[in-house]
N, C-alpha and C. Protein backbone atom coordinates (compact mmCIF):
# COMPACT_ATOMS: atom_id res chain seq x y z
N UNK A 1 13.17 40.18 -14.09
CA UNK A 1 14.35 39.62 -13.42
C UNK A 1 15.51 40.60 -13.56
N UNK A 2 16.32 40.71 -12.50
CA UNK A 2 17.45 41.63 -12.47
C UNK A 2 18.71 40.91 -12.90
N UNK A 3 19.44 41.49 -13.85
CA UNK A 3 20.77 41.00 -14.21
C UNK A 3 21.80 41.93 -13.59
N UNK A 4 22.87 41.35 -13.03
CA UNK A 4 23.84 42.10 -12.24
C UNK A 4 25.26 41.87 -12.74
N UNK A 5 26.04 42.95 -12.83
CA UNK A 5 27.44 42.86 -13.24
C UNK A 5 28.28 43.62 -12.23
N UNK A 6 29.18 42.89 -11.56
CA UNK A 6 30.05 43.48 -10.55
C UNK A 6 31.39 43.89 -11.18
N UNK A 7 32.01 44.94 -10.62
CA UNK A 7 33.32 45.38 -11.07
C UNK A 7 34.04 46.09 -9.94
N UNK A 8 35.34 46.31 -10.13
CA UNK A 8 36.11 47.10 -9.18
C UNK A 8 37.04 46.32 -8.29
N UNK A 9 37.04 45.00 -8.39
CA UNK A 9 37.94 44.21 -7.57
C UNK A 9 39.38 44.34 -8.02
N UNK A 10 40.28 43.76 -7.23
CA UNK A 10 41.69 43.81 -7.57
C UNK A 10 42.54 43.43 -6.39
N UNK A 11 43.85 43.68 -6.54
CA UNK A 11 44.83 43.40 -5.50
C UNK A 11 45.11 44.69 -4.74
N UNK A 12 45.04 44.63 -3.42
CA UNK A 12 45.29 45.81 -2.60
C UNK A 12 46.07 45.38 -1.36
N UNK A 13 46.90 46.28 -0.87
CA UNK A 13 47.66 45.98 0.33
C UNK A 13 46.80 46.12 1.58
N UNK A 14 47.14 45.42 2.64
CA UNK A 14 46.41 45.59 3.91
C UNK A 14 46.38 47.06 4.31
N UNK A 15 45.21 47.51 4.76
CA UNK A 15 45.01 48.90 5.10
C UNK A 15 44.54 49.76 3.97
N UNK A 16 44.53 49.21 2.76
CA UNK A 16 44.11 49.97 1.59
C UNK A 16 42.60 49.99 1.40
N UNK A 17 42.19 50.60 0.29
CA UNK A 17 40.77 50.77 -0.01
C UNK A 17 40.45 50.33 -1.43
N UNK A 18 39.22 49.92 -1.62
CA UNK A 18 38.68 49.63 -2.94
C UNK A 18 37.21 50.02 -2.94
N UNK A 19 36.71 50.35 -4.12
CA UNK A 19 35.27 50.62 -4.27
C UNK A 19 34.72 49.71 -5.34
N UNK A 20 33.79 48.87 -4.96
CA UNK A 20 33.13 47.97 -5.89
C UNK A 20 31.87 48.60 -6.42
N UNK A 21 31.54 48.26 -7.67
CA UNK A 21 30.31 48.74 -8.29
C UNK A 21 29.53 47.55 -8.82
N UNK A 22 28.23 47.71 -8.84
CA UNK A 22 27.35 46.67 -9.39
C UNK A 22 26.24 47.36 -10.16
N UNK A 23 26.19 47.08 -11.45
CA UNK A 23 25.17 47.68 -12.31
C UNK A 23 24.10 46.65 -12.62
N UNK A 24 22.87 47.06 -12.46
CA UNK A 24 21.74 46.16 -12.68
C UNK A 24 20.96 46.57 -13.93
N UNK A 25 20.38 45.59 -14.56
CA UNK A 25 19.54 45.86 -15.73
C UNK A 25 18.42 44.83 -15.77
N UNK A 26 17.38 45.14 -16.50
CA UNK A 26 16.35 44.14 -16.76
C UNK A 26 15.11 44.26 -15.92
N UNK A 27 15.11 45.13 -14.91
CA UNK A 27 13.89 45.25 -14.12
C UNK A 27 13.90 46.60 -13.42
N UNK A 28 12.98 46.80 -12.54
CA UNK A 28 12.90 48.06 -11.82
C UNK A 28 13.83 47.96 -10.61
N UNK A 29 15.03 48.50 -10.75
CA UNK A 29 16.08 48.34 -9.76
C UNK A 29 15.67 48.88 -8.39
N UNK A 30 15.01 50.02 -8.39
CA UNK A 30 14.80 50.74 -7.13
C UNK A 30 13.90 50.01 -6.14
N UNK A 31 13.13 49.02 -6.59
CA UNK A 31 12.20 48.37 -5.67
C UNK A 31 12.86 47.28 -4.85
N UNK A 32 14.08 46.93 -5.21
CA UNK A 32 14.73 45.81 -4.54
C UNK A 32 15.64 46.27 -3.41
N UNK A 33 15.66 45.49 -2.32
CA UNK A 33 16.75 45.59 -1.38
C UNK A 33 17.97 44.96 -2.04
N UNK A 34 19.13 45.57 -1.85
CA UNK A 34 20.35 45.08 -2.50
C UNK A 34 21.40 44.76 -1.45
N UNK A 35 22.22 43.78 -1.77
CA UNK A 35 23.26 43.39 -0.83
C UNK A 35 24.56 43.05 -1.52
N UNK A 36 25.63 43.17 -0.79
CA UNK A 36 26.93 42.66 -1.22
C UNK A 36 27.23 41.42 -0.39
N UNK A 37 27.59 40.36 -1.08
CA UNK A 37 27.92 39.09 -0.48
C UNK A 37 29.38 38.77 -0.82
N UNK A 38 29.98 37.89 -0.07
CA UNK A 38 31.34 37.46 -0.43
C UNK A 38 31.52 35.98 -0.09
N UNK A 39 32.42 35.37 -0.84
CA UNK A 39 32.76 33.97 -0.59
C UNK A 39 34.27 33.83 -0.62
N UNK A 40 34.83 33.53 0.53
CA UNK A 40 36.26 33.31 0.64
C UNK A 40 36.57 31.84 0.33
N UNK A 41 37.81 31.54 -0.05
CA UNK A 41 38.17 30.16 -0.37
C UNK A 41 37.85 29.22 0.78
N UNK A 42 37.12 28.15 0.47
CA UNK A 42 36.79 27.14 1.48
C UNK A 42 35.70 27.53 2.45
N UNK A 43 35.06 28.68 2.22
CA UNK A 43 34.02 29.14 3.15
C UNK A 43 32.70 29.33 2.41
N UNK A 44 31.62 29.40 3.19
CA UNK A 44 30.31 29.64 2.61
C UNK A 44 30.16 31.12 2.25
N UNK A 45 29.30 31.38 1.29
CA UNK A 45 29.00 32.74 0.92
C UNK A 45 28.25 33.43 2.06
N UNK A 46 28.60 34.68 2.31
CA UNK A 46 27.98 35.42 3.40
C UNK A 46 27.57 36.81 2.94
N UNK A 47 26.51 37.31 3.57
CA UNK A 47 26.06 38.67 3.30
C UNK A 47 26.88 39.62 4.17
N UNK A 48 27.55 40.60 3.56
CA UNK A 48 28.37 41.53 4.35
C UNK A 48 27.74 42.90 4.48
N UNK A 49 26.88 43.30 3.53
CA UNK A 49 26.25 44.62 3.62
C UNK A 49 24.96 44.60 2.83
N UNK A 50 23.96 45.30 3.34
CA UNK A 50 22.67 45.36 2.66
C UNK A 50 22.10 46.76 2.76
N UNK A 51 21.36 47.15 1.72
CA UNK A 51 20.67 48.44 1.74
C UNK A 51 19.24 48.21 1.27
N UNK A 52 18.29 48.56 2.13
CA UNK A 52 16.88 48.40 1.83
C UNK A 52 16.23 49.76 2.04
N UNK A 53 15.76 50.33 0.94
CA UNK A 53 15.36 51.74 0.92
C UNK A 53 16.54 52.56 1.44
N UNK A 54 16.47 53.27 2.52
CA UNK A 54 17.58 54.07 3.05
C UNK A 54 18.24 53.43 4.26
N UNK A 55 17.87 52.23 4.58
CA UNK A 55 18.41 51.55 5.75
C UNK A 55 19.55 50.62 5.35
N UNK A 56 20.66 50.68 6.09
CA UNK A 56 21.80 49.83 5.80
C UNK A 56 22.11 48.92 6.99
N UNK A 57 22.65 47.76 6.67
CA UNK A 57 23.07 46.81 7.69
C UNK A 57 24.37 46.16 7.27
N UNK A 58 25.20 45.83 8.26
CA UNK A 58 26.53 45.28 7.98
C UNK A 58 26.81 44.09 8.87
N UNK A 59 27.60 43.16 8.32
CA UNK A 59 28.12 42.09 9.16
C UNK A 59 29.10 42.70 10.16
N UNK A 60 29.20 42.08 11.32
CA UNK A 60 30.09 42.61 12.36
C UNK A 60 31.53 42.70 11.86
N UNK A 61 31.92 41.78 11.00
CA UNK A 61 33.31 41.72 10.53
C UNK A 61 33.71 42.92 9.67
N UNK A 62 32.72 43.64 9.12
CA UNK A 62 33.05 44.77 8.23
C UNK A 62 32.50 46.09 8.75
N UNK A 63 31.75 46.05 9.85
CA UNK A 63 31.12 47.26 10.37
C UNK A 63 32.17 48.30 10.70
N UNK A 64 31.94 49.54 10.24
CA UNK A 64 32.89 50.62 10.47
C UNK A 64 33.96 50.74 9.41
N UNK A 65 34.08 49.73 8.53
CA UNK A 65 35.09 49.75 7.47
C UNK A 65 34.46 49.79 6.08
N UNK A 66 33.32 49.17 5.91
CA UNK A 66 32.64 49.10 4.61
C UNK A 66 31.40 49.98 4.63
N UNK A 67 31.10 50.56 3.47
CA UNK A 67 29.89 51.37 3.32
C UNK A 67 29.18 50.99 2.03
N UNK A 68 27.92 50.62 2.14
CA UNK A 68 27.11 50.32 0.97
C UNK A 68 26.26 51.53 0.61
N UNK A 69 26.12 51.78 -0.68
CA UNK A 69 25.28 52.88 -1.14
C UNK A 69 24.69 52.52 -2.49
N UNK A 70 23.71 53.28 -2.94
CA UNK A 70 23.09 53.00 -4.23
C UNK A 70 22.72 54.29 -4.92
N UNK A 71 22.70 54.23 -6.24
CA UNK A 71 22.26 55.34 -7.08
C UNK A 71 21.18 54.77 -7.98
N UNK A 72 19.92 54.98 -7.60
CA UNK A 72 18.82 54.38 -8.37
C UNK A 72 18.75 54.93 -9.79
N UNK A 73 19.16 56.17 -9.99
CA UNK A 73 19.14 56.75 -11.33
C UNK A 73 20.11 56.04 -12.27
N UNK A 74 21.17 55.48 -11.69
CA UNK A 74 22.17 54.77 -12.49
C UNK A 74 22.04 53.26 -12.38
N UNK A 75 21.00 52.80 -11.65
CA UNK A 75 20.83 51.35 -11.42
C UNK A 75 22.11 50.71 -10.88
N UNK A 76 22.75 51.38 -9.96
CA UNK A 76 24.05 50.92 -9.48
C UNK A 76 24.09 50.91 -7.95
N UNK A 77 24.72 49.89 -7.41
CA UNK A 77 24.98 49.81 -5.97
C UNK A 77 26.49 49.72 -5.79
N UNK A 78 27.00 50.35 -4.74
CA UNK A 78 28.42 50.44 -4.50
C UNK A 78 28.78 49.82 -3.15
N UNK A 79 30.05 49.42 -3.03
CA UNK A 79 30.58 49.01 -1.74
C UNK A 79 31.95 49.65 -1.59
N UNK A 80 32.03 50.65 -0.72
CA UNK A 80 33.31 51.28 -0.40
C UNK A 80 33.94 50.48 0.72
N UNK A 81 35.14 49.99 0.48
CA UNK A 81 35.84 49.16 1.46
C UNK A 81 37.13 49.85 1.88
N UNK A 82 37.22 50.15 3.14
CA UNK A 82 38.40 50.81 3.70
C UNK A 82 39.06 49.91 4.74
N UNK A 83 40.30 50.23 5.07
CA UNK A 83 41.04 49.47 6.10
C UNK A 83 40.97 47.98 5.83
N UNK A 84 41.23 47.61 4.60
CA UNK A 84 41.08 46.20 4.20
C UNK A 84 42.09 45.31 4.91
N UNK A 85 41.64 44.10 5.20
CA UNK A 85 42.43 43.10 5.90
C UNK A 85 42.59 41.87 5.01
N UNK A 86 43.64 41.08 5.24
CA UNK A 86 43.79 39.85 4.45
C UNK A 86 42.55 38.95 4.51
N UNK A 87 41.86 38.95 5.63
CA UNK A 87 40.66 38.10 5.75
C UNK A 87 39.47 38.63 4.95
N UNK A 88 39.61 39.80 4.35
CA UNK A 88 38.58 40.29 3.43
C UNK A 88 38.73 39.71 2.03
N UNK A 89 39.81 38.98 1.80
CA UNK A 89 40.03 38.36 0.50
C UNK A 89 38.89 37.40 0.17
N UNK A 90 38.25 37.62 -0.98
CA UNK A 90 37.09 36.82 -1.37
C UNK A 90 36.62 37.25 -2.75
N UNK A 91 35.73 36.47 -3.32
CA UNK A 91 34.97 36.92 -4.48
C UNK A 91 33.72 37.62 -3.94
N UNK A 92 33.52 38.84 -4.40
CA UNK A 92 32.40 39.66 -3.93
C UNK A 92 31.31 39.67 -5.01
N UNK A 93 30.09 39.48 -4.55
CA UNK A 93 28.93 39.45 -5.43
C UNK A 93 27.90 40.46 -4.93
N UNK A 94 27.19 41.07 -5.86
CA UNK A 94 26.01 41.81 -5.45
C UNK A 94 24.79 41.00 -5.86
N UNK A 95 23.69 41.22 -5.15
CA UNK A 95 22.46 40.51 -5.44
C UNK A 95 21.33 41.19 -4.71
N UNK A 96 20.14 40.85 -5.09
CA UNK A 96 18.99 41.34 -4.34
C UNK A 96 18.96 40.63 -2.99
N UNK A 97 18.14 41.17 -2.09
CA UNK A 97 17.97 40.56 -0.78
C UNK A 97 16.51 40.15 -0.63
N UNK A 98 16.20 38.85 -0.46
CA UNK A 98 17.10 37.69 -0.48
C UNK A 98 17.62 37.43 -1.89
N UNK A 99 18.72 36.67 -2.01
CA UNK A 99 19.40 36.56 -3.31
C UNK A 99 18.64 35.75 -4.35
N UNK A 100 18.83 36.18 -5.61
CA UNK A 100 18.32 35.42 -6.75
C UNK A 100 19.49 34.75 -7.45
N UNK A 101 19.49 34.79 -8.78
CA UNK A 101 20.59 34.20 -9.55
C UNK A 101 21.86 34.99 -9.33
N UNK A 102 23.00 34.27 -9.30
CA UNK A 102 24.28 34.91 -9.03
C UNK A 102 24.99 35.31 -10.31
N UNK A 103 25.70 36.45 -10.24
CA UNK A 103 26.58 36.86 -11.33
C UNK A 103 27.94 36.24 -11.16
N UNK A 104 28.94 36.78 -11.87
CA UNK A 104 30.28 36.20 -11.83
C UNK A 104 31.08 36.69 -10.62
N UNK A 105 30.69 37.81 -10.06
CA UNK A 105 31.42 38.37 -8.94
C UNK A 105 32.69 39.07 -9.37
N UNK A 106 33.37 39.67 -8.39
CA UNK A 106 34.64 40.34 -8.64
C UNK A 106 35.58 39.97 -7.50
N UNK A 107 36.81 39.60 -7.86
CA UNK A 107 37.77 39.10 -6.88
C UNK A 107 38.49 40.25 -6.19
N UNK A 108 38.50 40.20 -4.87
CA UNK A 108 39.27 41.14 -4.06
C UNK A 108 40.34 40.34 -3.32
N UNK A 109 41.59 40.75 -3.53
CA UNK A 109 42.70 40.10 -2.86
C UNK A 109 43.44 41.13 -2.02
N UNK A 110 43.54 40.87 -0.73
CA UNK A 110 44.23 41.78 0.18
C UNK A 110 45.51 41.09 0.63
N UNK A 111 46.62 41.59 0.15
CA UNK A 111 47.90 40.94 0.43
C UNK A 111 49.03 41.93 0.23
N UNK A 112 50.10 41.73 1.00
CA UNK A 112 51.28 42.55 0.83
C UNK A 112 52.28 41.87 -0.10
């Protein structure tokens, strides 16, 4: 079973950037497809970016602004977020695809 710890969230102004990291432990990280999910207040959790082997996919709402990547040697998956908008405000989680148990997530707040 994979254990996941997210980090890198914070408060950023609209138009700014953040890079989230997720470190995995407890299993063979490289065999899993990985994704970044988010849950905004009052909304359902959604998958915003996924990486399966070398293939990436993005939700339409973040396409062209977010980039998912992974470093299998470090058991880490990243989410580079650029041109952030207030509607990107959410708790961001990483997980395997399809998702297993959830970690605590990291809060991203986009506000002036």
